[in-house]
Amino acid sequence: MGKEDLIKLVEAEALEGKEFPEFHSGDTVAVHYKIKEGNKERVQVFQGIVIQRKGSGSTQTFTVRKISNSIGVERIFPLFSSNIDKIEVKRKGKVRRARIFYMRDRAGKKARVKEKRV
């Protein structure tokens, strides 16, 4: 067994227990994230637009952007993190590219993404 085989085996174990809905950039998602404060643990919801997905396998990440008190906030989540409780897809967005960084320059009504028609 080579080094690559061991890495693939560990990645497969990490991916086993997690089931998340399919989502892409432009979709509005609510990420339920576990936060540990001292000996307490609570779940915080971070809802916003996915502006990118990056990586593959167990190292996959996604970036969510939201506007909080008229300030843009972005957070990068590892997709297969043990701290992510669940991911809810609120809206499917219609965008024509994989990384929608142009959303950073937009504010107000211009920062909306059209909804994908099913």
Protein backbone atom coordinates (compact mmCIF):
# COMPACT_ATOMS: atom_id res chain seq x y z
CA MET A 1 0.00 0.00 0.00
CA GLY A 2 1.40 3.34 -1.09
CA LYS A 3 1.09 6.74 0.47
CA GLU A 4 -1.70 7.77 -1.94
CA ASP A 5 -3.77 4.70 -1.04
CA LEU A 6 -3.57 5.52 2.67
CA ILE A 7 -4.62 9.13 2.02
CA LYS A 8 -7.61 7.97 -0.04
CA LEU A 9 -8.59 5.50 2.70
CA VAL A 10 -8.54 8.20 5.40
CA GLU A 11 -10.49 10.60 3.15
CA ALA A 12 -13.13 7.94 2.48
CA GLU A 13 -13.58 7.39 6.24
CA ALA A 14 -14.01 11.13 6.79
CA LEU A 15 -16.65 11.39 4.06
CA GLU A 16 -18.72 8.40 5.24
CA GLY A 17 -21.13 9.82 7.82
CA LYS A 18 -21.92 13.14 6.14
CA GLU A 19 -24.89 13.70 3.83
CA PHE A 20 -25.47 17.24 2.58
CA PRO A 21 -27.82 18.56 -0.10
CA GLU A 22 -26.34 19.49 -3.46
CA PHE A 23 -25.65 23.22 -3.77
CA HIS A 24 -23.61 25.47 -6.04
CA SER A 25 -22.45 29.07 -6.16
CA GLY A 26 -25.34 31.51 -6.25
CA ASP A 27 -27.51 29.38 -3.95
CA THR A 28 -28.73 30.81 -0.65
CA VAL A 29 -27.91 28.40 2.17
CA ALA A 30 -28.32 28.28 5.94
CA VAL A 31 -25.36 26.59 7.64
CA HIS A 32 -26.07 25.28 11.14
CA TYR A 33 -22.65 25.48 12.83
CA LYS A 34 -21.77 24.15 16.30
CA ILE A 35 -19.91 26.64 18.49
CA LYS A 36 -18.17 25.63 21.72
CA GLU A 37 -18.06 28.29 24.43
CA GLY A 38 -16.27 26.96 27.48
CA ASN A 39 -18.05 23.71 28.35
CA LYS A 40 -21.29 24.70 26.57
CA GLU A 41 -22.14 23.98 22.97
CA ARG A 42 -24.71 25.79 20.85
CA VAL A 43 -25.76 25.87 17.21
CA GLN A 44 -25.53 29.13 15.27
CA VAL A 45 -27.13 29.62 11.86
CA PHE A 46 -25.15 31.50 9.20
CA GLN A 47 -27.38 32.26 6.19
CA GLY A 48 -26.09 33.80 2.97
CA ILE A 49 -25.16 33.32 -0.67
CA VAL A 50 -22.53 30.75 -1.65
CA ILE A 51 -19.92 32.67 -3.63
CA GLN A 52 -17.54 29.78 -4.28
CA ARG A 53 -16.84 26.09 -3.79
CA LYS A 54 -13.25 24.98 -3.73
CA GLY A 55 -11.25 21.77 -3.44
CA SER A 56 -12.20 18.13 -3.78
CA GLY A 57 -12.78 15.16 -1.52
CA SER A 58 -12.47 15.73 2.21
CA THR A 59 -10.66 19.05 1.75
CA GLN A 60 -13.62 20.70 0.01
CA THR A 61 -14.62 24.17 1.26
CA PHE A 62 -17.32 26.69 0.43
CA THR A 63 -17.56 30.43 1.09
CA VAL A 64 -20.82 32.02 2.25
CA ARG A 65 -21.42 35.78 2.13
CA LYS A 66 -24.11 37.73 3.94
CA ILE A 67 -24.79 41.37 4.75
CA SER A 68 -24.95 42.00 8.50
CA ASN A 69 -25.75 45.56 9.68
CA SER A 70 -24.82 46.90 6.20
CA ILE A 71 -21.39 45.23 6.42
CA GLY A 72 -20.48 42.31 4.17
CA VAL A 73 -19.44 39.21 6.11
CA GLU A 74 -17.84 36.17 4.47
CA ARG A 75 -17.13 32.88 6.14
CA ILE A 76 -15.29 29.87 4.76
CA PHE A 77 -16.60 26.48 5.87
CA PRO A 78 -14.90 23.10 5.36
CA LEU A 79 -17.68 20.99 3.83
CA PHE A 80 -16.95 17.87 5.87
CA SER A 81 -16.29 19.61 9.19
CA SER A 82 -17.57 17.84 12.30
CA ASN A 83 -18.83 21.23 13.52
CA ILE A 84 -21.38 21.59 10.70
CA ASP A 85 -24.68 20.26 12.01
CA LYS A 86 -26.64 20.62 8.77
CA ILE A 87 -26.90 22.68 5.60
CA GLU A 88 -30.27 23.87 4.29
CA VAL A 89 -30.65 25.16 0.74
CA LYS A 90 -33.13 28.06 0.92
CA ARG A 91 -33.02 29.23 -2.73
CA LYS A 92 -31.40 27.99 -5.93
CA GLY A 93 -29.62 30.85 -7.66
CA LYS A 94 -29.08 31.32 -11.38
CA VAL A 95 -25.48 32.39 -12.02
CA ARG A 96 -23.21 31.82 -14.99
CA ARG A 97 -19.90 31.32 -13.25
CA ALA A 98 -18.41 29.20 -10.47
CA ARG A 99 -16.91 32.01 -8.38
CA ILE A 100 -19.11 35.06 -8.02
CA PHE A 101 -16.68 37.50 -6.40
CA TYR A 102 -18.37 40.39 -8.23
CA MET A 103 -21.01 40.22 -5.46
CA ARG A 104 -18.47 41.92 -3.16
CA ASP A 105 -18.76 45.14 -5.17
CA ARG A 106 -22.56 45.19 -5.19
CA ALA A 107 -24.92 46.52 -2.56
CA GLY A 108 -28.68 46.74 -2.09
CA LYS A 109 -30.93 45.52 -4.89
CA LYS A 110 -27.98 44.96 -7.23
CA ALA A 111 -26.63 42.29 -4.86
CA ARG A 112 -29.56 39.98 -5.59
CA VAL A 113 -29.24 36.73 -7.51
CA LYS A 114 -32.05 35.59 -9.79
CA GLU A 115 -33.80 32.43 -8.68
CA LYS A 116 -33.45 29.35 -10.86
CA ARG A 117 -36.73 28.25 -12.39
CA VAL A 118 -37.46 24.56 -11.96
